[in-house]
Amino acid sequence: MREPEPERGINLSHHDAVDNWAAVRAGGVVFAAVTITESTNWSDTAAARNLRQAQEAGIHTGARHFARPGSVHDQVEHFVRTAKRLGALSPGSLAPTLDVEVDSVDDRFIKSWIKAVRQATGLERVLVYARYEDWQHRLHPDRWADSEVILWLVRHNGIPGRPGWFHPRLGLHQHGGGDAVPGFHGEIGYDAVVYPFTLADVLI
């Protein structure tokens, strides 16, 4: 039995731009994560427009926080306050996402962030986004990844949903980046759901 074609998505940082969300949706994109906050005080002024226009195009959207070393609770407060204001924690949204690409953001930080986000939002499902090398050598998801935590792996191997690394909680794969898909420009990440997970498994 063949695996189904993986559901596709994108993720945006603050320097990426979408010109036409309808064209993005027509290209097969069904979900999008937008980095809305970083550390304790930065927020993306374009996030509100991106989230609204993506939703209007029929794309499931979600909010991502770029972690920096420092107070976990202050970062969670900043993220949750901003996400609520943007309507990014409503049913059907991509689950709250933590970007842990900074090397000094460790397992202890992640575990505390997950607990604090759950307490602040009442939501259980959380996504954790990191590079292939981090999942291999730096991070230890078995210490904090329960049945409502989904791992998101960045490895640009060009094979959607097949990152070449396995974990039972691995549900998303960023397999490439660039501006090859109509509707946007910049180094936007191309993502796919990893089988046997489905889109419903990464939504609120």
Protein backbone atom coordinates (compact mmCIF):
# COMPACT_ATOMS: atom_id res chain seq x y z
CA MET A 1 0.00 0.00 0.00
CA ARG A 2 1.42 3.36 -1.04
CA GLU A 3 1.63 6.22 1.41
CA PRO A 4 -0.69 9.14 0.57
CA GLU A 5 0.77 12.29 -0.94
CA PRO A 6 1.91 14.48 2.00
CA GLU A 7 -0.06 17.62 2.75
CA ARG A 8 1.98 20.72 1.96
CA GLY A 9 2.67 23.91 3.85
CA ILE A 10 5.05 26.85 4.17
CA ASN A 11 6.61 28.82 7.01
CA LEU A 12 7.55 32.48 7.04
CA SER A 13 10.09 34.51 8.97
CA HIS A 14 9.89 38.30 9.21
CA HIS A 15 12.04 38.87 6.09
CA ASP A 16 9.79 36.77 3.84
CA ALA A 17 6.92 38.24 1.83
CA VAL A 18 3.78 36.81 0.25
CA ASP A 19 2.39 38.67 -2.73
CA ASN A 20 -0.66 36.54 -3.46
CA TRP A 21 -2.03 34.11 -0.88
CA ALA A 22 -4.71 32.87 -3.29
CA ALA A 23 -1.97 31.77 -5.69
CA VAL A 24 -0.14 30.06 -2.83
CA ARG A 25 -3.30 28.11 -1.95
CA ALA A 26 -3.89 27.24 -5.61
CA GLY A 27 -0.38 25.80 -5.64
CA GLY A 28 -1.40 23.18 -3.10
CA VAL A 29 -0.37 24.83 0.17
CA VAL A 30 -2.85 24.01 2.96
CA PHE A 31 -1.04 25.30 6.07
CA ALA A 32 1.30 28.13 6.98
CA ALA A 33 3.27 29.04 10.09
CA VAL A 34 4.21 32.68 10.63
CA THR A 35 6.91 33.80 13.06
CA ILE A 36 5.11 36.46 15.10
CA THR A 37 7.48 36.97 18.06
CA GLU A 38 11.11 36.66 19.12
CA SER A 39 12.58 36.73 22.63
CA THR A 40 10.58 38.93 25.05
CA ASN A 41 9.87 42.07 23.06
CA TRP A 42 10.08 41.71 19.24
CA SER A 43 6.99 41.13 17.12
CA ASP A 44 6.48 41.11 13.35
CA THR A 45 4.36 44.01 12.15
CA ALA A 46 3.45 42.09 8.97
CA ALA A 47 2.13 39.05 10.85
CA ALA A 48 -1.45 40.31 11.18
CA ARG A 49 -1.75 40.90 7.44
CA ASN A 50 -0.15 37.56 6.54
CA LEU A 51 -2.34 35.57 8.92
CA ARG A 52 -5.54 37.31 7.80
CA GLN A 53 -4.85 36.99 4.08
CA ALA A 54 -3.78 33.35 4.39
CA GLN A 55 -6.94 32.51 6.30
CA GLU A 56 -9.06 34.30 3.70
CA ALA A 57 -7.39 32.14 1.04
CA GLY A 58 -8.44 28.99 2.90
CA ILE A 59 -5.06 28.15 4.45
CA HIS A 60 -4.74 26.89 8.03
CA THR A 61 -2.44 29.35 9.77
CA GLY A 62 -0.45 29.27 12.98
CA ALA A 63 1.93 31.34 15.09
CA ARG A 64 5.60 30.61 15.76
CA HIS A 65 7.95 32.00 18.41
CA PHE A 66 11.70 32.31 17.82
CA ALA A 67 13.33 31.42 21.14
CA ARG A 68 16.29 33.22 22.65
CA PRO A 69 18.13 32.38 25.86
CA GLY A 70 16.53 34.08 28.85
CA SER A 71 13.27 34.07 30.73
CA VAL A 72 10.95 31.36 29.44
CA HIS A 73 7.87 32.81 31.12
CA ASP A 74 8.46 36.31 29.75
CA GLN A 75 8.82 34.88 26.24
CA VAL A 76 5.67 32.80 26.64
CA GLU A 77 3.73 35.80 27.92
CA HIS A 78 4.87 37.88 24.94
CA PHE A 79 4.05 35.11 22.45
CA VAL A 80 0.64 34.21 23.86
CA ARG A 81 -0.46 37.82 24.22
CA THR A 82 0.51 38.53 20.59
CA ALA A 83 -0.98 35.29 19.25
CA LYS A 84 -4.30 35.92 20.98
CA ARG A 85 -4.45 39.45 19.61
CA LEU A 86 -3.86 38.07 16.11
CA GLY A 87 -6.46 35.31 16.49
CA ALA A 88 -3.80 32.67 15.93
CA LEU A 89 -4.93 30.29 18.69
CA SER A 90 -8.42 29.54 17.44
CA PRO A 91 -9.74 26.08 16.42
CA GLY A 92 -8.41 25.03 13.04
CA SER A 93 -5.15 26.95 13.49
CA LEU A 94 -1.77 25.29 13.34
CA ALA A 95 -0.68 24.48 16.90
CA PRO A 96 1.62 26.97 18.66
CA THR A 97 5.18 26.52 17.40
CA LEU A 98 8.52 27.02 19.15
CA ASP A 99 11.58 27.62 16.94
CA VAL A 100 14.70 26.38 18.76
CA GLU A 101 17.40 26.95 16.16
CA VAL A 102 19.58 28.96 18.57
CA ASP A 103 22.14 26.55 20.01
CA SER A 104 21.88 27.80 23.60
CA VAL A 105 18.13 27.09 23.75
CA ASP A 106 18.18 23.65 25.35
CA ASP A 107 15.89 20.83 26.44
CA ARG A 108 15.17 22.50 29.78
CA PHE A 109 13.99 25.66 28.01
CA ILE A 110 11.76 23.64 25.66
CA LYS A 111 10.19 21.63 28.48
CA SER A 112 9.46 24.81 30.46
CA TRP A 113 8.07 26.60 27.38
CA ILE A 114 5.68 23.76 26.59
CA LYS A 115 4.39 23.71 30.18
CA ALA A 116 3.98 27.49 30.32
CA VAL A 117 2.21 27.73 26.93
CA ARG A 118 -0.22 25.01 27.96
CA GLN A 119 -0.99 26.81 31.21
CA ALA A 120 -1.43 30.17 29.47
CA THR A 121 -3.61 28.93 26.59
CA GLY A 122 -5.38 25.80 27.83
CA LEU A 123 -4.11 24.06 24.68
CA GLU A 124 -2.14 20.82 24.81
CA ARG A 125 -0.78 20.49 21.28
CA VAL A 126 2.56 22.16 20.62
CA LEU A 127 5.01 22.03 17.68
CA VAL A 128 8.80 22.25 18.13
CA TYR A 129 10.85 23.33 15.10
CA ALA A 130 14.59 22.63 14.75
CA ARG A 131 17.27 21.69 12.26
CA TYR A 132 18.22 18.11 11.40
CA GLU A 133 21.60 18.48 13.12
CA ASP A 134 19.91 19.69 16.30
CA TRP A 135 17.59 16.69 16.45
CA GLN A 136 20.55 14.39 15.85
CA HIS A 137 23.03 15.80 18.34
CA ARG A 138 21.75 18.62 20.58
CA LEU A 139 18.13 18.01 21.50
CA HIS A 140 16.59 15.07 23.36
CA PRO A 141 12.84 15.05 22.65
CA ASP A 142 12.25 11.92 24.71
CA ARG A 143 12.72 14.14 27.77
CA TRP A 144 9.75 16.38 26.91
CA ALA A 145 7.84 15.21 23.80
CA ASP A 146 4.61 13.65 25.05
CA SER A 147 1.66 12.54 22.90
CA GLU A 148 0.62 16.15 22.13
CA VAL A 149 4.04 17.42 21.06
CA ILE A 150 4.88 17.29 17.35
CA LEU A 151 8.47 17.59 16.12
CA TRP A 152 9.18 19.70 13.05
CA LEU A 153 12.47 18.91 11.31
CA VAL A 154 14.36 21.19 8.91
CA ARG A 155 16.33 19.25 6.32
CA HIS A 156 16.42 20.51 2.74
CA ASN A 157 16.73 17.19 0.97
CA GLY A 158 14.00 17.89 -1.57
CA ILE A 159 11.92 14.84 -0.58
CA PRO A 160 8.68 16.07 1.06
CA GLY A 161 7.78 14.12 4.17
CA ARG A 162 10.89 11.92 4.03
CA PRO A 163 13.59 13.64 6.08
CA GLY A 164 15.84 10.61 6.61
CA TRP A 165 15.48 10.75 10.39
CA PHE A 166 12.86 9.07 12.53
CA HIS A 167 11.14 9.81 15.80
CA PRO A 168 7.63 8.64 16.74
CA ARG A 169 6.61 12.28 17.30
CA LEU A 170 8.09 13.58 14.03
CA GLY A 171 5.15 15.05 12.11
CA LEU A 172 6.47 17.88 9.93
CA HIS A 173 9.40 18.19 7.52
CA GLN A 174 10.78 21.39 5.99
CA HIS A 175 12.20 19.88 2.83
CA GLY A 176 13.24 22.98 0.90
CA GLY A 177 13.08 26.73 0.60
CA GLY A 178 13.02 29.56 -1.89
CA ASP A 179 10.49 31.24 -4.15
CA ALA A 180 9.64 28.54 -6.70
CA VAL A 181 5.96 28.43 -5.72
CA PRO A 182 3.76 31.15 -7.28
CA GLY A 183 2.61 33.93 -4.98
CA PHE A 184 5.63 34.77 -2.85
CA HIS A 185 9.32 35.62 -2.81
CA GLY A 186 12.15 35.17 -0.33
CA GLU A 187 13.56 32.08 1.38
CA ILE A 188 10.21 30.77 2.58
CA GLY A 189 10.38 27.21 3.92
CA TYR A 190 8.51 24.45 2.10
CA ASP A 191 6.96 21.91 4.45
CA ALA A 192 5.16 18.58 4.34
CA VAL A 193 3.34 16.44 6.87
CA VAL A 194 5.24 13.25 7.70
CA TYR A 195 3.26 9.98 7.38
CA PRO A 196 1.41 8.58 9.34
CA PHE A 197 0.60 12.04 10.71
CA THR A 198 -2.07 14.08 8.92
CA LEU A 199 -2.87 17.78 8.81
CA ALA A 200 -5.48 17.30 11.56
CA ASP A 201 -2.73 16.06 13.88
CA VAL A 202 -0.89 19.39 13.80
CA LEU A 203 -3.91 21.66 14.17
CA ILE A 204 -5.61 22.96 17.30
